[in-house]
N, C-alpha and C. Protein backbone atom coordinates (compact mmCIF):
# COMPACT_ATOMS: atom_id res chain seq x y z
N MET A 1 -9.15 -7.32 -3.58
CA MET A 1 -8.22 -7.94 -2.64
C MET A 1 -8.16 -7.08 -1.38
N LYS A 2 -8.16 -7.75 -0.25
CA LYS A 2 -8.14 -7.03 1.03
C LYS A 2 -6.73 -6.63 1.42
N ALA A 3 -6.66 -5.67 2.30
CA ALA A 3 -5.38 -5.21 2.82
C ALA A 3 -4.77 -6.30 3.70
N MET A 4 -3.44 -6.32 3.74
CA MET A 4 -2.75 -7.28 4.59
C MET A 4 -2.81 -6.82 6.04
N LYS A 5 -2.98 -7.76 6.92
CA LYS A 5 -3.01 -7.44 8.34
C LYS A 5 -1.59 -7.47 8.90
N PRO A 6 -1.29 -6.59 9.86
CA PRO A 6 0.05 -6.56 10.44
C PRO A 6 0.49 -7.90 11.02
N ALA A 7 -0.44 -8.63 11.62
CA ALA A 7 -0.08 -9.93 12.21
C ALA A 7 0.38 -10.90 11.13
N ASP A 8 -0.25 -10.84 9.95
CA ASP A 8 0.15 -11.71 8.85
C ASP A 8 1.52 -11.33 8.31
N ILE A 9 1.79 -10.03 8.27
CA ILE A 9 3.09 -9.56 7.77
C ILE A 9 4.20 -9.97 8.73
N ARG A 10 3.94 -9.88 10.02
CA ARG A 10 4.97 -10.21 11.03
C ARG A 10 5.35 -11.69 10.99
N LYS A 11 4.50 -12.54 10.46
CA LYS A 11 4.80 -13.97 10.36
C LYS A 11 5.80 -14.26 9.24
N LEU A 12 5.97 -13.30 8.32
CA LEU A 12 6.87 -13.49 7.18
C LEU A 12 8.31 -13.16 7.56
N SER A 13 9.23 -13.71 6.78
CA SER A 13 10.64 -13.37 6.97
C SER A 13 10.92 -12.02 6.30
N ALA A 14 12.07 -11.44 6.60
CA ALA A 14 12.44 -10.15 6.04
C ALA A 14 12.52 -10.22 4.51
N GLU A 15 13.06 -11.31 3.98
CA GLU A 15 13.17 -11.47 2.53
C GLU A 15 11.80 -11.58 1.88
N GLU A 16 10.89 -12.28 2.52
CA GLU A 16 9.53 -12.40 1.97
C GLU A 16 8.83 -11.04 1.96
N ILE A 17 9.04 -10.26 3.00
CA ILE A 17 8.45 -8.93 3.06
C ILE A 17 9.02 -8.05 1.96
N ARG A 18 10.34 -8.10 1.77
CA ARG A 18 10.96 -7.31 0.69
C ARG A 18 10.39 -7.71 -0.67
N SER A 19 10.20 -9.00 -0.87
CA SER A 19 9.64 -9.51 -2.12
C SER A 19 8.22 -8.99 -2.32
N LYS A 20 7.42 -9.03 -1.27
CA LYS A 20 6.04 -8.54 -1.36
C LYS A 20 5.99 -7.04 -1.61
N ILE A 21 6.92 -6.29 -1.03
CA ILE A 21 6.97 -4.85 -1.27
C ILE A 21 7.28 -4.59 -2.75
N THR A 22 8.23 -5.32 -3.30
CA THR A 22 8.58 -5.16 -4.72
C THR A 22 7.39 -5.50 -5.61
N ASP A 23 6.70 -6.59 -5.30
CA ASP A 23 5.53 -6.98 -6.09
C ASP A 23 4.43 -5.92 -6.00
N ALA A 24 4.21 -5.40 -4.80
CA ALA A 24 3.17 -4.39 -4.62
C ALA A 24 3.51 -3.11 -5.37
N ARG A 25 4.78 -2.73 -5.37
CA ARG A 25 5.19 -1.53 -6.10
C ARG A 25 5.01 -1.71 -7.61
N ASP A 26 5.32 -2.92 -8.11
CA ASP A 26 5.11 -3.19 -9.53
C ASP A 26 3.63 -3.12 -9.88
N GLU A 27 2.80 -3.71 -9.03
CA GLU A 27 1.36 -3.67 -9.27
C GLU A 27 0.84 -2.23 -9.22
N MET A 28 1.36 -1.44 -8.29
CA MET A 28 0.93 -0.06 -8.16
C MET A 28 1.31 0.74 -9.42
N MET A 29 2.49 0.49 -9.96
CA MET A 29 2.91 1.17 -11.17
C MET A 29 1.97 0.83 -12.33
N LYS A 30 1.61 -0.45 -12.45
CA LYS A 30 0.70 -0.86 -13.51
C LYS A 30 -0.68 -0.22 -13.34
N LEU A 31 -1.14 -0.14 -12.10
CA LEU A 31 -2.43 0.49 -11.84
C LEU A 31 -2.41 1.98 -12.16
N ARG A 32 -1.29 2.62 -11.88
CA ARG A 32 -1.16 4.05 -12.21
C ARG A 32 -1.24 4.27 -13.72
N PHE A 33 -0.59 3.40 -14.49
CA PHE A 33 -0.67 3.50 -15.94
C PHE A 33 -2.11 3.31 -16.41
N GLN A 34 -2.81 2.34 -15.80
CA GLN A 34 -4.20 2.12 -16.15
C GLN A 34 -5.05 3.34 -15.81
N GLN A 35 -4.75 3.97 -14.69
CA GLN A 35 -5.52 5.14 -14.27
C GLN A 35 -5.32 6.29 -15.26
N VAL A 36 -4.09 6.51 -15.66
CA VAL A 36 -3.79 7.60 -16.58
C VAL A 36 -4.46 7.36 -17.94
N SER A 37 -4.47 6.10 -18.38
CA SER A 37 -5.06 5.80 -19.68
C SER A 37 -6.58 5.62 -19.61
N GLY A 38 -7.16 5.71 -18.41
CA GLY A 38 -8.61 5.61 -18.26
C GLY A 38 -9.13 4.20 -18.23
N GLN A 39 -8.29 3.21 -18.01
CA GLN A 39 -8.71 1.81 -18.01
C GLN A 39 -8.91 1.25 -16.60
N LEU A 40 -8.59 2.01 -15.57
CA LEU A 40 -8.67 1.53 -14.20
C LEU A 40 -10.13 1.44 -13.77
N THR A 41 -10.53 0.27 -13.28
CA THR A 41 -11.92 0.08 -12.85
C THR A 41 -12.07 0.18 -11.34
N ASP A 42 -11.03 -0.17 -10.58
CA ASP A 42 -11.10 -0.17 -9.12
C ASP A 42 -10.04 0.78 -8.56
N ALA A 43 -10.39 2.04 -8.43
CA ALA A 43 -9.44 3.05 -7.97
C ALA A 43 -9.07 2.87 -6.51
N SER A 44 -9.91 2.21 -5.73
CA SER A 44 -9.60 2.00 -4.31
C SER A 44 -8.41 1.08 -4.12
N ARG A 45 -8.11 0.27 -5.13
CA ARG A 45 -6.97 -0.64 -5.05
C ARG A 45 -5.65 0.13 -4.89
N LEU A 46 -5.57 1.31 -5.48
CA LEU A 46 -4.36 2.13 -5.34
C LEU A 46 -4.13 2.51 -3.87
N ASN A 47 -5.18 2.93 -3.19
CA ASN A 47 -5.04 3.30 -1.78
C ASN A 47 -4.69 2.10 -0.92
N ILE A 48 -5.31 0.96 -1.20
CA ILE A 48 -5.02 -0.25 -0.43
C ILE A 48 -3.55 -0.63 -0.60
N LEU A 49 -3.07 -0.60 -1.84
CA LEU A 49 -1.66 -0.94 -2.10
C LEU A 49 -0.71 0.03 -1.42
N ARG A 50 -1.03 1.32 -1.50
CA ARG A 50 -0.16 2.32 -0.89
C ARG A 50 -0.04 2.07 0.61
N LYS A 51 -1.15 1.79 1.26
CA LYS A 51 -1.14 1.54 2.70
C LYS A 51 -0.45 0.21 3.04
N ASP A 52 -0.66 -0.80 2.19
CA ASP A 52 0.03 -2.09 2.40
C ASP A 52 1.54 -1.93 2.33
N ILE A 53 2.00 -1.16 1.35
CA ILE A 53 3.45 -0.94 1.19
C ILE A 53 4.00 -0.24 2.43
N ALA A 54 3.30 0.79 2.88
CA ALA A 54 3.75 1.52 4.07
C ALA A 54 3.76 0.61 5.30
N ARG A 55 2.74 -0.22 5.42
CA ARG A 55 2.66 -1.14 6.55
C ARG A 55 3.81 -2.14 6.53
N MET A 56 4.09 -2.70 5.34
CA MET A 56 5.18 -3.66 5.22
C MET A 56 6.54 -3.01 5.48
N GLU A 57 6.75 -1.80 4.98
CA GLU A 57 8.01 -1.11 5.22
C GLU A 57 8.20 -0.80 6.70
N THR A 58 7.13 -0.43 7.38
CA THR A 58 7.21 -0.13 8.81
C THR A 58 7.58 -1.39 9.60
N ILE A 59 6.93 -2.49 9.30
CA ILE A 59 7.21 -3.74 10.02
C ILE A 59 8.62 -4.23 9.70
N LEU A 60 9.05 -4.07 8.46
CA LEU A 60 10.41 -4.46 8.09
C LEU A 60 11.44 -3.63 8.86
N ALA A 61 11.18 -2.33 8.99
CA ALA A 61 12.08 -1.46 9.76
C ALA A 61 12.10 -1.89 11.22
N GLU A 62 10.97 -2.26 11.77
CA GLU A 62 10.91 -2.75 13.16
C GLU A 62 11.75 -4.01 13.31
N MET A 63 11.62 -4.92 12.34
CA MET A 63 12.38 -6.18 12.41
C MET A 63 13.87 -5.91 12.36
N ILE A 64 14.30 -4.99 11.51
CA ILE A 64 15.72 -4.66 11.39
C ILE A 64 16.22 -4.01 12.66
N ARG A 65 15.40 -3.09 13.20
CA ARG A 65 15.78 -2.41 14.44
C ARG A 65 15.89 -3.40 15.60
N ASN A 66 14.92 -4.32 15.71
CA ASN A 66 14.97 -5.31 16.79
C ASN A 66 16.15 -6.26 16.64
N ALA A 67 16.50 -6.60 15.41
CA ALA A 67 17.66 -7.47 15.17
C ALA A 67 18.94 -6.75 15.58
N ALA A 68 19.01 -5.45 15.33
CA ALA A 68 20.20 -4.69 15.70
C ALA A 68 20.32 -4.58 17.22
N VAL A 69 19.20 -4.40 17.90
CA VAL A 69 19.20 -4.32 19.36
C VAL A 69 19.59 -5.67 19.95
N GLU A 70 19.07 -6.74 19.40
CA GLU A 70 19.41 -8.08 19.89
C GLU A 70 20.88 -8.38 19.63
N GLY A 71 21.40 -7.93 18.50
CA GLY A 71 22.80 -8.16 18.18
C GLY A 71 23.74 -7.35 19.05
N ALA A 72 23.27 -6.24 19.57
CA ALA A 72 24.11 -5.38 20.40
C ALA A 72 24.21 -5.90 21.82
N LYS A 73 23.32 -6.78 22.19
CA LYS A 73 23.32 -7.30 23.59
C LYS A 73 24.40 -8.32 23.80
């Protein structure tokens, strides 16, 4: 699976992004268990997920910050 592009993430609502972050964290936990038990076949997926989570959290923080600035005007 390919990494999510920032433009695709920005099209989502804040709730959808939160949901995707939760799903990605669950998948990452499962992959870590597979890695520890020696069953993981695609180790690069861990790095992709880690970066996707960081990307989604960054964009979510931007959305929250922009909403606060718009609300303050």
